C-alpha cells in the first residue's frame, strides 16, 4: 500500500469538521479538547442543516452566504 490510511486523514480538511463538531465531543478527553481548540480551526462541510459555533446555533448555508456577502 503506497499511502496508509493513517497518512490520508490529516490531508483531508473535512476531517477538521469531525474534530470541531460537538456531536463527536465524547470521542476526546480533556487534554485532546484543549489541543483541538488551540490548533484546529472551526470547520464544517458546507451542506444544508443546522450546526453550532460556540454557543450559537444556525443554518449553515444561509450563514455561509451571509459571510460571503459581508453581512455577518
Protein backbone atom coordinates (compact mmCIF):
# COMPACT_ATOMS: atom_id res chain seq x y z
CA UNK A 1 0.00 0.00 0.00
CA UNK A 2 1.57 3.29 -1.08
CA UNK A 3 -0.37 5.55 1.28
CA UNK A 4 -1.50 4.01 4.52
CA UNK A 5 -4.93 5.04 5.83
CA UNK A 6 -3.35 6.95 8.72
CA UNK A 7 -1.49 9.15 6.23
CA UNK A 8 -4.61 10.28 4.38
CA UNK A 9 -6.74 11.71 7.20
CA UNK A 10 -4.52 14.72 8.01
CA UNK A 11 -4.59 15.71 4.35
CA UNK A 12 -8.39 16.00 4.24
CA UNK A 13 -9.65 19.33 5.52
CA UNK A 14 -13.12 17.87 6.08
CA UNK A 15 -11.65 15.83 8.93
CA UNK A 16 -11.36 19.09 10.89
CA UNK A 17 -15.18 19.10 10.91
CA UNK A 18 -15.15 15.85 12.89
CA UNK A 19 -12.70 17.29 15.41
CA UNK A 20 -14.68 20.51 15.94
CA UNK A 21 -18.23 19.13 15.89
CA UNK A 22 -19.81 18.86 19.36
CA UNK A 23 -21.59 15.65 18.28
CA UNK A 24 -18.19 13.94 18.47
CA UNK A 25 -17.01 15.52 21.74
CA UNK A 26 -17.26 12.25 23.67
CA UNK A 27 -14.52 10.78 21.47
CA UNK A 28 -11.87 13.03 23.05
CA UNK A 29 -10.54 13.54 26.56
CA UNK A 30 -9.99 16.93 28.20
CA UNK A 31 -6.37 17.25 27.03
CA UNK A 32 -7.34 16.38 23.46
CA UNK A 33 -10.10 19.01 23.57
CA UNK A 34 -7.51 21.59 24.63
CA UNK A 35 -5.22 20.67 21.75
CA UNK A 36 -8.09 20.72 19.26
CA UNK A 37 -9.28 24.12 20.48
CA UNK A 38 -5.78 25.55 20.25
CA UNK A 39 -4.73 24.13 16.88
CA UNK A 40 -7.71 23.14 14.74
CA UNK A 41 -9.83 25.81 13.02
CA UNK A 42 -13.61 25.56 13.33
CA UNK A 43 -14.65 23.66 10.21
CA UNK A 44 -17.85 22.34 8.65
CA UNK A 45 -18.61 20.60 5.37
CA UNK A 46 -20.96 23.04 3.64
CA UNK A 47 -24.39 21.47 3.29
CA UNK A 48 -27.97 22.17 4.32
CA UNK A 49 -28.60 21.75 8.03
CA UNK A 50 -28.12 23.28 11.43
CA UNK A 51 -24.78 23.48 13.16
CA UNK A 52 -23.18 25.34 16.03
CA UNK A 53 -20.18 27.53 16.66
CA UNK A 54 -19.58 28.19 20.32
CA UNK A 55 -22.95 28.93 21.92
CA UNK A 56 -24.55 29.94 18.60
CA UNK A 57 -26.69 27.50 16.56
CA UNK A 58 -27.66 28.37 12.97
CA UNK A 59 -28.47 27.10 9.47
CA UNK A 60 -25.10 26.65 7.82
CA UNK A 61 -25.81 27.52 4.16
CA UNK A 62 -27.51 30.89 4.85
CA UNK A 63 -24.77 31.70 7.38
CA UNK A 64 -22.02 31.00 4.84
CA UNK A 65 -23.92 33.01 2.24
CA UNK A 66 -24.17 35.98 4.60
CA UNK A 67 -20.43 35.75 5.33
CA UNK A 68 -19.69 35.70 1.59
CA UNK A 69 -21.84 38.84 1.11
CA UNK A 70 -20.09 40.51 4.05
CA UNK A 71 -23.25 40.87 6.10
CA UNK A 72 -22.45 38.78 9.16
